């Protein structure tokens, strides 16, 4: 999530308006992860690397 957030902030700095949507997406996923203890990014990478 940190890399996506960094990418979104760089986009915003360069004047791309849709970078803000990525920031909100990361923020909502962090809140979602904290409330129900499930992180979609973690699930995705576990499936990807078959851990």
Protein backbone atom coordinates (compact mmCIF):
# COMPACT_ATOMS: atom_id res chain seq x y z
CA UNK A 1 0.00 0.00 0.00
CA UNK A 2 2.92 2.28 0.63
CA UNK A 3 4.10 2.09 -2.97
CA UNK A 4 0.61 2.83 -4.28
CA UNK A 5 0.36 5.80 -1.92
CA UNK A 6 3.75 7.12 -3.04
CA UNK A 7 2.74 6.75 -6.71
CA UNK A 8 -0.55 8.57 -6.03
CA UNK A 9 1.20 11.43 -4.26
CA UNK A 10 3.65 11.82 -7.15
CA UNK A 11 0.71 11.93 -9.56
CA UNK A 12 -0.99 14.59 -7.47
CA UNK A 13 2.20 16.62 -7.33
CA UNK A 14 2.42 16.52 -11.13
CA UNK A 15 -1.13 17.86 -11.40
CA UNK A 16 -3.01 14.66 -12.22
CA UNK A 17 -6.39 14.90 -10.51
CA UNK A 18 -7.06 11.17 -10.41
CA UNK A 19 -4.10 10.62 -8.08
CA UNK A 20 -6.40 11.74 -5.28
CA UNK A 21 -8.64 8.74 -5.92
CA UNK A 22 -5.69 6.42 -5.31
CA UNK A 23 -4.94 8.19 -2.02
CA UNK A 24 -8.55 7.71 -0.90
CA UNK A 25 -8.48 4.08 -2.00
CA UNK A 26 -5.38 3.38 0.09
CA UNK A 27 -6.87 5.21 3.08
CA UNK A 28 -10.12 3.26 2.88
CA UNK A 29 -8.28 -0.06 2.52
CA UNK A 30 -6.18 0.79 5.60
CA UNK A 31 -9.33 1.56 7.60
CA UNK A 32 -11.00 -1.59 6.27
CA UNK A 33 -7.95 -3.63 7.26
CA UNK A 34 -7.92 -2.17 10.77
CA UNK A 35 -11.60 -2.78 11.42
CA UNK A 36 -11.99 -6.38 10.27
CA UNK A 37 -8.33 -7.52 10.27
CA UNK A 38 -8.35 -8.44 6.58
CA UNK A 39 -6.03 -6.78 4.09
CA UNK A 40 -6.86 -7.36 0.42
CA UNK A 41 -3.26 -6.59 -0.58
CA UNK A 42 -1.91 -9.23 1.79
CA UNK A 43 -4.39 -11.79 0.44
CA UNK A 44 -3.40 -10.96 -3.13
CA UNK A 45 0.34 -11.33 -2.49
CA UNK A 46 -0.14 -14.59 -0.58
CA UNK A 47 -2.01 -15.99 -3.59
CA UNK A 48 0.56 -14.58 -6.00
CA UNK A 49 3.58 -16.04 -4.19
CA UNK A 50 1.72 -19.16 -2.95
CA UNK A 51 2.73 -18.76 0.67
